[in-house]
């Protein structure tokens, strides 16, 4: 599991987001791959974020 994914439940319901995007981290494609953040996984994460909070932002490689 990606170390930047945050998920859980609070008083308003479920949340699911990416700390890498929230904090504006610039990760290369290689760094993203190393933590399991592949293009396919980003699609899954974005879908889960949209289901949980209505919008989804996932990291894009800084070198591309």
PDB file of N, CA and C in Angstrom:
ATOM      1  N   UNK A   1       0.843  -1.184   0.000  1.00  0.00           N
ATOM      2  CA  UNK A   1       0.000   0.000   0.000  1.00  0.00           C
ATOM      3  C   UNK A   1       0.884   1.242   0.000  1.00  0.00           C
ATOM      4  N   UNK A   2       0.461   2.213  -0.725  1.00  0.00           N
ATOM      5  CA  UNK A   2       1.193   3.475  -0.835  1.00  0.00           C
ATOM      6  C   UNK A   2       1.281   4.170   0.521  1.00  0.00           C
ATOM      7  N   UNK A   3       2.464   4.671   0.879  1.00  0.00           N
ATOM      8  CA  UNK A   3       2.608   5.350   2.169  1.00  0.00           C
ATOM      9  C   UNK A   3       1.917   6.711   2.222  1.00  0.00           C
ATOM     10  N   UNK A   4       1.452   7.223   1.086  1.00  0.00           N
ATOM     11  CA  UNK A   4       0.819   8.541   1.052  1.00  0.00           C
ATOM     12  C   UNK A   4      -0.709   8.499   1.108  1.00  0.00           C
ATOM     13  N   UNK A   5      -1.294   7.321   0.984  1.00  0.00           N
ATOM     14  CA  UNK A   5      -2.757   7.210   1.018  1.00  0.00           C
ATOM     15  C   UNK A   5      -3.251   7.331   2.452  1.00  0.00           C
ATOM     16  N   UNK A   6      -4.255   8.167   2.625  1.00  0.00           N
ATOM     17  CA  UNK A   6      -4.912   8.326   3.929  1.00  0.00           C
ATOM     18  C   UNK A   6      -6.381   7.991   3.746  1.00  0.00           C
ATOM     19  N   UNK A   7      -6.868   7.081   4.552  1.00  0.00           N
ATOM     20  CA  UNK A   7      -8.277   6.702   4.456  1.00  0.00           C
ATOM     21  C   UNK A   7      -8.808   6.394   5.838  1.00  0.00           C
ATOM     22  N   UNK A   8     -10.084   6.554   5.978  1.00  0.00           N
ATOM     23  CA  UNK A   8     -10.708   6.282   7.261  1.00  0.00           C
ATOM     24  C   UNK A   8     -12.103   6.861   7.309  1.00  0.00           C
ATOM     25  N   UNK A   9     -12.616   6.976   8.515  1.00  0.00           N
ATOM     26  CA  UNK A   9     -13.964   7.483   8.713  1.00  0.00           C
ATOM     27  C   UNK A   9     -13.937   8.534   9.816  1.00  0.00           C
ATOM     28  N   UNK A  10     -14.678   9.588   9.604  1.00  0.00           N
ATOM     29  CA  UNK A  10     -14.821  10.600  10.643  1.00  0.00           C
ATOM     30  C   UNK A  10     -16.303  10.929  10.800  1.00  0.00           C
ATOM     31  N   UNK A  11     -16.621  11.961  11.512  1.00  0.00           N
ATOM     32  CA  UNK A  11     -18.012  12.303  11.781  1.00  0.00           C
ATOM     33  C   UNK A  11     -18.805  12.602  10.504  1.00  0.00           C
ATOM     34  N   UNK A  12     -18.122  13.040   9.458  1.00  0.00           N
ATOM     35  CA  UNK A  12     -18.781  13.363   8.190  1.00  0.00           C
ATOM     36  C   UNK A  12     -18.844  12.189   7.224  1.00  0.00           C
ATOM     37  N   UNK A  13     -18.294  11.056   7.590  1.00  0.00           N
ATOM     38  CA  UNK A  13     -18.291   9.882   6.718  1.00  0.00           C
ATOM     39  C   UNK A  13     -16.874   9.472   6.340  1.00  0.00           C
ATOM     40  N   UNK A  14     -16.786   8.734   5.256  1.00  0.00           N
ATOM     41  CA  UNK A  14     -15.498   8.198   4.813  1.00  0.00           C
ATOM     42  C   UNK A  14     -14.664   9.257   4.112  1.00  0.00           C
ATOM     43  N   UNK A  15     -13.349   9.139   4.272  1.00  0.00           N
ATOM     44  CA  UNK A  15     -12.424   9.993   3.524  1.00  0.00           C
ATOM     45  C   UNK A  15     -11.337   9.120   2.921  1.00  0.00           C
ATOM     46  N   UNK A  16     -10.778   9.581   1.829  1.00  0.00           N
ATOM     47  CA  UNK A  16      -9.724   8.874   1.109  1.00  0.00           C
ATOM     48  C   UNK A  16      -8.984   9.933   0.303  1.00  0.00           C
ATOM     49  N   UNK A  17      -7.716  10.143   0.601  1.00  0.00           N
ATOM     50  CA  UNK A  17      -6.956  11.145  -0.135  1.00  0.00           C
ATOM     51  C   UNK A  17      -5.478  10.790  -0.167  1.00  0.00           C
ATOM     52  N   UNK A  18      -4.730  11.555  -0.948  1.00  0.00           N
ATOM     53  CA  UNK A  18      -3.302  11.320  -1.155  1.00  0.00           C
ATOM     54  C   UNK A  18      -2.492  12.464  -0.550  1.00  0.00           C
ATOM     55  N   UNK A  19      -1.670  12.154   0.441  1.00  0.00           N
ATOM     56  CA  UNK A  19      -0.804  13.161   1.063  1.00  0.00           C
ATOM     57  C   UNK A  19       0.200  13.749   0.069  1.00  0.00           C
ATOM     58  N   UNK A  20       0.647  12.954  -0.892  1.00  0.00           N
ATOM     59  CA  UNK A  20       1.622  13.456  -1.864  1.00  0.00           C
ATOM     60  C   UNK A  20       1.042  14.638  -2.629  1.00  0.00           C
ATOM     61  N   UNK A  21      -0.211  14.540  -3.023  1.00  0.00           N
ATOM     62  CA  UNK A  21      -0.875  15.642  -3.725  1.00  0.00           C
ATOM     63  C   UNK A  21      -1.196  16.765  -2.748  1.00  0.00           C
ATOM     64  N   UNK A  22      -1.698  16.408  -1.577  1.00  0.00           N
ATOM     65  CA  UNK A  22      -2.092  17.415  -0.583  1.00  0.00           C
ATOM     66  C   UNK A  22      -0.923  18.318  -0.197  1.00  0.00           C
ATOM     67  N   UNK A  23       0.273  17.753  -0.119  1.00  0.00           N
ATOM     68  CA  UNK A  23       1.444  18.536   0.273  1.00  0.00           C
ATOM     69  C   UNK A  23       2.280  19.005  -0.916  1.00  0.00           C
ATOM     70  N   UNK A  24       1.821  18.716  -2.139  1.00  0.00           N
ATOM     71  CA  UNK A  24       2.512  19.187  -3.331  1.00  0.00           C
ATOM     72  C   UNK A  24       3.863  18.547  -3.576  1.00  0.00           C
ATOM     73  N   UNK A  25       4.021  17.286  -3.181  1.00  0.00           N
ATOM     74  CA  UNK A  25       5.299  16.602  -3.399  1.00  0.00           C
ATOM     75  C   UNK A  25       5.534  16.378  -4.886  1.00  0.00           C
ATOM     76  N   UNK A  26       6.755  16.540  -5.314  1.00  0.00           N
ATOM     77  CA  UNK A  26       7.147  16.306  -6.702  1.00  0.00           C
ATOM     78  C   UNK A  26       7.906  14.987  -6.753  1.00  0.00           C
ATOM     79  N   UNK A  27       7.252  13.950  -7.242  1.00  0.00           N
ATOM     80  CA  UNK A  27       7.854  12.626  -7.320  1.00  0.00           C
ATOM     81  C   UNK A  27       8.058  12.247  -8.779  1.00  0.00           C
ATOM     82  N   UNK A  28       9.196  11.635  -9.071  1.00  0.00           N
ATOM     83  CA  UNK A  28       9.470  11.181 -10.433  1.00  0.00           C
ATOM     84  C   UNK A  28       8.674   9.913 -10.711  1.00  0.00           C
ATOM     85  N   UNK A  29       8.614   9.540 -11.975  1.00  0.00           N
ATOM     86  CA  UNK A  29       7.911   8.319 -12.356  1.00  0.00           C
ATOM     87  C   UNK A  29       8.516   7.114 -11.635  1.00  0.00           C
ATOM     88  N   UNK A  30       9.826   7.104 -11.516  1.00  0.00           N
ATOM     89  CA  UNK A  30      10.494   5.992 -10.831  1.00  0.00           C
ATOM     90  C   UNK A  30      10.109   5.943  -9.352  1.00  0.00           C
ATOM     91  N   UNK A  31      10.095   7.098  -8.691  1.00  0.00           N
ATOM     92  CA  UNK A  31       9.709   7.143  -7.275  1.00  0.00           C
ATOM     93  C   UNK A  31       8.263   6.691  -7.087  1.00  0.00           C
ATOM     94  N   UNK A  32       7.394   7.103  -7.998  1.00  0.00           N
ATOM     95  CA  UNK A  32       5.996   6.673  -7.915  1.00  0.00           C
ATOM     96  C   UNK A  32       5.884   5.159  -8.085  1.00  0.00           C
ATOM     97  N   UNK A  33       6.594   4.624  -9.066  1.00  0.00           N
ATOM     98  CA  UNK A  33       6.583   3.172  -9.300  1.00  0.00           C
ATOM     99  C   UNK A  33       7.081   2.412  -8.075  1.00  0.00           C
ATOM    100  N   UNK A  34       8.115   2.931  -7.425  1.00  0.00           N
ATOM    101  CA  UNK A  34       8.700   2.256  -6.259  1.00  0.00           C
ATOM    102  C   UNK A  34       7.725   2.129  -5.096  1.00  0.00           C
ATOM    103  N   UNK A  35       6.783   3.053  -4.991  1.00  0.00           N
ATOM    104  CA  UNK A  35       5.804   2.977  -3.898  1.00  0.00           C
ATOM    105  C   UNK A  35       4.488   2.355  -4.360  1.00  0.00           C
ATOM    106  N   UNK A  36       4.468   1.855  -5.605  1.00  0.00           N
ATOM    107  CA  UNK A  36       3.273   1.189  -6.110  1.00  0.00           C
ATOM    108  C   UNK A  36       2.259   2.115  -6.750  1.00  0.00           C
ATOM    109  N   UNK A  37       2.659   3.352  -7.004  1.00  0.00           N
ATOM    110  CA  UNK A  37       1.754   4.338  -7.601  1.00  0.00           C
ATOM    111  C   UNK A  37       1.898   4.288  -9.123  1.00  0.00           C
ATOM    112  N   UNK A  38       1.385   3.215  -9.700  1.00  0.00           N
ATOM    113  CA  UNK A  38       1.428   3.021 -11.144  1.00  0.00           C
ATOM    114  C   UNK A  38       0.249   3.752 -11.784  1.00  0.00           C
ATOM    115  N   UNK A  39       0.265   3.927 -13.099  1.00  0.00           N
ATOM    116  CA  UNK A  39      -0.897   4.554 -13.747  1.00  0.00           C
ATOM    117  C   UNK A  39      -2.207   3.818 -13.435  1.00  0.00           C
ATOM    118  N   UNK A  40      -2.151   2.495 -13.398  1.00  0.00           N
ATOM    119  CA  UNK A  40      -3.347   1.712 -13.085  1.00  0.00           C
ATOM    120  C   UNK A  40      -3.813   1.961 -11.654  1.00  0.00           C
ATOM    121  N   UNK A  41      -2.865   2.007 -10.724  1.00  0.00           N
ATOM    122  CA  UNK A  41      -3.216   2.247  -9.321  1.00  0.00           C
ATOM    123  C   UNK A  41      -3.758   3.658  -9.129  1.00  0.00           C
ATOM    124  N   UNK A  42      -3.222   4.621  -9.867  1.00  0.00           N
ATOM    125  CA  UNK A  42      -3.732   5.996  -9.759  1.00  0.00           C
ATOM    126  C   UNK A  42      -5.186   6.077 -10.212  1.00  0.00           C
ATOM    127  N   UNK A  43      -5.549   5.312 -11.231  1.00  0.00           N
ATOM    128  CA  UNK A  43      -6.953   5.278 -11.673  1.00  0.00           C
ATOM    129  C   UNK A  43      -7.849   4.724 -10.571  1.00  0.00           C
ATOM    130  N   UNK A  44      -7.385   3.669  -9.917  1.00  0.00           N
ATOM    131  CA  UNK A  44      -8.148   3.073  -8.816  1.00  0.00           C
ATOM    132  C   UNK A  44      -8.283   4.070  -7.673  1.00  0.00           C
ATOM    133  N   UNK A  45      -7.179   4.690  -7.294  1.00  0.00           N
ATOM    134  CA  UNK A  45      -7.207   5.666  -6.200  1.00  0.00           C
ATOM    135  C   UNK A  45      -8.133   6.831  -6.526  1.00  0.00           C
ATOM    136  N   UNK A  46      -8.067   7.321  -7.751  1.00  0.00           N
ATOM    137  CA  UNK A  46      -8.924   8.442  -8.127  1.00  0.00           C
ATOM    138  C   UNK A  46     -10.395   8.044  -8.021  1.00  0.00           C
ATOM    139  N   UNK A  47     -10.734   6.849  -8.464  1.00  0.00           N
ATOM    140  CA  UNK A  47     -12.121   6.376  -8.358  1.00  0.00           C
ATOM    141  C   UNK A  47     -12.566   6.288  -6.905  1.00  0.00           C
ATOM    142  N   UNK A  48     -11.704   5.764  -6.038  1.00  0.00           N
ATOM    143  CA  UNK A  48     -12.048   5.656  -4.618  1.00  0.00           C
ATOM    144  C   UNK A  48     -12.220   7.031  -3.980  1.00  0.00           C
ATOM    145  N   UNK A  49     -11.362   7.972  -4.351  1.00  0.00           N
ATOM    146  CA  UNK A  49     -11.491   9.334  -3.823  1.00  0.00           C
ATOM    147  C   UNK A  49     -12.804   9.960  -4.270  1.00  0.00           C
ATOM    148  N   UNK A  50     -13.141   9.776  -5.537  1.00  0.00           N
ATOM    149  CA  UNK A  50     -14.383  10.345  -6.053  1.00  0.00           C
ATOM    150  C   UNK A  50     -15.596   9.739  -5.364  1.00  0.00           C
ATOM    151  N   UNK A  51     -15.543   8.452  -5.082  1.00  0.00           N
ATOM    152  CA  UNK A  51     -16.644   7.811  -4.353  1.00  0.00           C
ATOM    153  C   UNK A  51     -16.749   8.324  -2.924  1.00  0.00           C
ATOM    154  N   UNK A  52     -15.609   8.515  -2.282  1.00  0.00           N
ATOM    155  CA  UNK A  52     -15.604   8.899  -0.867  1.00  0.00           C
ATOM    156  C   UNK A  52     -15.901  10.379  -0.647  1.00  0.00           C
ATOM    157  N   UNK A  53     -15.295  11.248  -1.454  1.00  0.00           N
ATOM    158  CA  UNK A  53     -15.432  12.685  -1.190  1.00  0.00           C
ATOM    159  C   UNK A  53     -15.904  13.514  -2.385  1.00  0.00           C
ATOM    160  N   UNK A  54     -16.140  12.875  -3.522  1.00  0.00           N
ATOM    161  CA  UNK A  54     -16.679  13.597  -4.665  1.00  0.00           C
ATOM    162  C   UNK A  54     -15.666  14.148  -5.647  1.00  0.00           C
ATOM    163  N   UNK A  55     -14.404  14.144  -5.281  1.00  0.00           N
ATOM    164  CA  UNK A  55     -13.349  14.618  -6.177  1.00  0.00           C
ATOM    165  C   UNK A  55     -12.090  13.801  -5.900  1.00  0.00           C
ATOM    166  N   UNK A  56     -11.266  13.619  -6.920  1.00  0.00           N
ATOM    167  CA  UNK A  56     -10.041  12.853  -6.724  1.00  0.00           C
ATOM    168  C   UNK A  56      -8.863  13.478  -7.434  1.00  0.00           C
ATOM    169  N   UNK A  57      -7.784  13.685  -6.704  1.00  0.00           N
ATOM    170  CA  UNK A  57      -6.546  14.204  -7.275  1.00  0.00           C
ATOM    171  C   UNK A  57      -5.431  13.221  -6.968  1.00  0.00           C
ATOM    172  N   UNK A  58      -4.747  12.791  -8.007  1.00  0.00           N
ATOM    173  CA  UNK A  58      -3.652  11.837  -7.844  1.00  0.00           C
ATOM    174  C   UNK A  58      -2.364  12.454  -8.383  1.00  0.00           C
ATOM    175  N   UNK A  59      -1.211  11.985  -7.891  1.00  0.00           N
ATOM    176  CA  UNK A  59       0.057  12.561  -8.350  1.00  0.00           C
ATOM    177  C   UNK A  59       0.372  12.193  -9.795  1.00  0.00           C
ATOM    178  N   UNK A  60       1.011  13.114 -10.467  1.00  0.00           N
ATOM    179  CA  UNK A  60       1.531  12.870 -11.805  1.00  0.00           C
ATOM    180  C   UNK A  60       3.050  12.943 -11.715  1.00  0.00           C
ATOM    181  N   UNK A  61       3.756  12.149 -12.514  1.00  0.00           N
ATOM    182  CA  UNK A  61       5.220  12.177 -12.454  1.00  0.00           C
ATOM    183  C   UNK A  61       5.772  13.575 -12.720  1.00  0.00           C
ATOM    184  N   UNK A  62       6.737  13.981 -11.915  1.00  0.00           N
ATOM    185  CA  UNK A  62       7.338  15.307 -12.046  1.00  0.00           C
ATOM    186  C   UNK A  62       8.283  15.384 -13.239  1.00  0.00           C
ATOM    187  N   UNK A  63       8.704  14.236 -13.746  1.00  0.00           N
ATOM    188  CA  UNK A  63       9.659  14.224 -14.850  1.00  0.00           C
ATOM    189  C   UNK A  63       8.995  13.991 -16.200  1.00  0.00           C
ATOM    190  N   UNK A  64       7.691  14.159 -16.270  1.00  0.00           N
ATOM    191  CA  UNK A  64       7.045  13.867 -17.538  1.00  0.00           C
ATOM    192  C   UNK A  64       5.905  14.705 -17.890  1.00  0.00           C
TER     193      UNK A  64
END
